[in-house]
Protein backbone atom coordinates (compact mmCIF):
# COMPACT_ATOMS: atom_id res chain seq x y z
CA UNK A 1 17.08 -29.19 -85.41
CA UNK A 2 16.20 -25.53 -84.26
CA UNK A 3 12.53 -26.38 -83.93
CA UNK A 4 13.19 -29.39 -81.65
CA UNK A 5 15.46 -27.33 -79.43
CA UNK A 6 12.67 -24.58 -79.27
CA UNK A 7 10.06 -27.19 -78.32
CA UNK A 8 12.29 -28.74 -75.60
CA UNK A 9 13.27 -25.33 -74.27
CA UNK A 10 9.67 -24.42 -74.05
CA UNK A 11 8.47 -27.60 -72.36
CA UNK A 12 11.35 -27.29 -69.79
CA UNK A 13 10.40 -23.74 -68.96
CA UNK A 14 6.65 -24.63 -68.67
CA UNK A 15 7.33 -27.59 -66.31
CA UNK A 16 6.12 -27.01 -62.77
CA UNK A 17 8.88 -26.74 -60.10
CA UNK A 18 8.36 -30.12 -57.96
CA UNK A 19 9.39 -29.89 -54.32
CA UNK A 20 11.41 -33.12 -54.58
CA UNK A 21 12.77 -32.29 -58.04
CA UNK A 22 10.87 -34.47 -60.31
CA UNK A 23 7.62 -36.57 -60.82
CA UNK A 24 7.94 -39.29 -63.49
CA UNK A 25 4.24 -39.90 -64.15
CA UNK A 26 1.70 -38.47 -66.35
CA UNK A 27 -0.17 -35.65 -64.58
CA UNK A 28 -3.03 -35.69 -67.00
CA UNK A 29 -3.45 -39.57 -66.37
CA UNK A 30 -2.90 -38.84 -62.51
CA UNK A 31 -5.90 -36.36 -62.77
CA UNK A 32 -8.13 -39.09 -63.96
CA UNK A 33 -6.75 -41.72 -61.56
CA UNK A 34 -7.28 -39.17 -58.68
CA UNK A 35 -11.04 -39.55 -59.17
CA UNK A 36 -10.55 -42.89 -56.92
CA UNK A 37 -9.30 -40.45 -54.05
CA UNK A 38 -11.97 -37.90 -54.03
CA UNK A 39 -14.38 -39.47 -51.74
CA UNK A 40 -11.77 -38.97 -49.05
CA UNK A 41 -9.36 -36.47 -50.19
CA UNK A 42 -9.38 -32.75 -51.54
CA UNK A 43 -6.58 -30.45 -52.82
CA UNK A 44 -7.45 -26.92 -51.66
CA UNK A 45 -4.71 -24.08 -51.83
CA UNK A 46 -3.69 -21.52 -49.28
CA UNK A 47 -6.16 -19.12 -50.85
CA UNK A 48 -9.17 -21.65 -50.16
CA UNK A 49 -9.45 -22.48 -53.89
CA UNK A 50 -10.39 -26.08 -54.55
CA UNK A 51 -7.90 -27.48 -57.12
CA UNK A 52 -9.26 -31.00 -57.05
CA UNK A 53 -11.67 -33.13 -55.48
CA UNK A 54 -14.91 -32.10 -53.67
CA UNK A 55 -15.80 -31.25 -50.18
CA UNK A 56 -14.36 -34.55 -48.72
CA UNK A 57 -13.30 -34.51 -45.20
CA UNK A 58 -12.29 -38.05 -44.43
CA UNK A 59 -8.61 -37.72 -45.29
CA UNK A 60 -6.50 -34.73 -45.20
CA UNK A 61 -6.10 -31.90 -47.74
CA UNK A 62 -3.37 -33.05 -50.12
CA UNK A 63 -2.19 -29.58 -51.05
CA UNK A 64 1.61 -29.20 -50.67
CA UNK A 65 2.05 -32.95 -49.69
CA UNK A 66 4.66 -33.74 -52.36
CA UNK A 67 8.14 -33.17 -50.72
CA UNK A 68 6.48 -32.54 -47.23
CA UNK A 69 6.44 -34.68 -44.09
CA UNK A 70 3.66 -37.29 -43.21
CA UNK A 71 1.20 -35.79 -40.97
CA UNK A 72 1.69 -32.06 -41.99
CA UNK A 73 -2.01 -31.05 -42.34
CA UNK A 74 -2.97 -28.89 -39.27
CA UNK A 75 -6.27 -30.06 -37.66
CA UNK A 76 -6.38 -33.50 -39.09
CA UNK A 77 -6.38 -36.25 -36.75
CA UNK A 78 -3.86 -38.91 -37.96
CA UNK A 79 -3.28 -42.35 -36.54
CA UNK A 80 -0.68 -42.98 -34.04
CA UNK A 81 1.57 -44.62 -36.42
CA UNK A 82 1.32 -41.82 -39.03
CA UNK A 83 2.21 -39.37 -36.23
CA UNK A 84 5.34 -41.53 -35.56
CA UNK A 85 6.10 -41.20 -39.27
CA UNK A 86 5.54 -37.45 -39.11
CA UNK A 87 8.19 -37.26 -36.43
CA UNK A 88 10.81 -38.81 -38.66
CA UNK A 89 12.46 -35.75 -40.01
CA UNK A 90 14.19 -37.78 -42.94
CA UNK A 91 10.83 -39.36 -44.12
CA UNK A 92 9.59 -36.88 -46.95
CA UNK A 93 6.84 -37.49 -49.29
CA UNK A 94 8.92 -38.33 -52.35
CA UNK A 95 7.62 -40.17 -55.46
CA UNK A 96 8.95 -43.36 -53.98
CA UNK A 97 7.43 -42.92 -50.59
CA UNK A 98 4.07 -41.81 -52.00
CA UNK A 99 3.75 -44.68 -54.29
CA UNK A 100 4.65 -47.29 -51.62
CA UNK A 101 2.50 -45.64 -49.10
CA UNK A 102 -0.73 -45.44 -51.26
CA UNK A 103 -0.38 -49.03 -52.43
CA UNK A 104 -0.21 -50.38 -48.71
CA UNK A 105 -0.61 -47.56 -46.17
CA UNK A 106 -0.43 -49.70 -43.10
CA UNK A 107 2.21 -51.95 -44.45
CA UNK A 108 4.49 -48.94 -45.57
CA UNK A 109 4.02 -47.20 -42.25
CA UNK A 110 4.79 -50.41 -40.19
CA UNK A 111 8.00 -50.88 -42.18
CA UNK A 112 9.13 -47.19 -42.02
CA UNK A 113 8.60 -46.83 -38.28
CA UNK A 114 8.93 -50.41 -36.87
CA UNK A 115 5.52 -50.10 -35.13
CA UNK A 116 2.56 -52.30 -35.22
CA UNK A 117 -0.12 -49.45 -35.63
CA UNK A 118 -2.59 -48.91 -38.39
CA UNK A 119 -3.00 -46.20 -40.89
CA UNK A 120 -6.53 -44.62 -41.24
CA UNK A 121 -6.21 -44.86 -45.03
CA UNK A 122 -7.71 -48.29 -45.73
CA UNK A 123 -8.01 -47.70 -49.48
CA UNK A 124 -5.07 -49.09 -51.62
CA UNK A 125 -4.27 -47.76 -55.09
CA UNK A 126 -4.01 -51.15 -56.92
CA UNK A 127 -1.95 -50.23 -59.85
CA UNK A 128 1.67 -48.71 -59.62
CA UNK A 129 1.21 -46.74 -62.76
CA UNK A 130 -1.88 -45.10 -61.14
CA UNK A 131 0.04 -44.13 -57.91
CA UNK A 132 2.96 -42.72 -60.01
CA UNK A 133 0.51 -40.83 -61.97
CA UNK A 134 -1.46 -39.51 -58.92
CA UNK A 135 1.90 -38.23 -57.61
CA UNK A 136 2.72 -36.30 -60.63
CA UNK A 137 -0.94 -34.80 -60.70
CA UNK A 138 -0.51 -33.79 -57.07
CA UNK A 139 3.07 -32.23 -57.84
CA UNK A 140 1.38 -30.32 -60.71
CA UNK A 141 -0.76 -28.63 -58.15
CA UNK A 142 1.99 -27.75 -55.66
CA UNK A 143 2.87 -24.20 -54.64
CA UNK A 144 5.70 -22.95 -56.78
CA UNK A 145 8.98 -23.12 -54.91
CA UNK A 146 10.81 -19.97 -54.58
């Protein structure tokens, strides 16, 4: 019993702090699934260290996106509909929002904003499990909340 409690306590203390409070997916599986994203996206921290991906510039840097707003990466030219979503203060990138968005970017933004525009992200993550795991992986790369 003591051993089980010690393992649980260690796992809890070692868990990263997620901006939205949790990520239900498997970050290790998400790292593998993120390979489908690296042709467009990169994760580069504030110090300039590449945490994931390569030198892709098609999509925005995904560092710090978990719990953030849509359209938060300075210098990236977002679509008009994505800029509308960015202006919606109550629309944060939670696990639920992320999963819905990456599975149908244009459809999600149209529903969220009521606009008929299009997302620049044309790729769709096919499997919900992959989307949940990618979110967990990105959450694991987040800056630690203070």
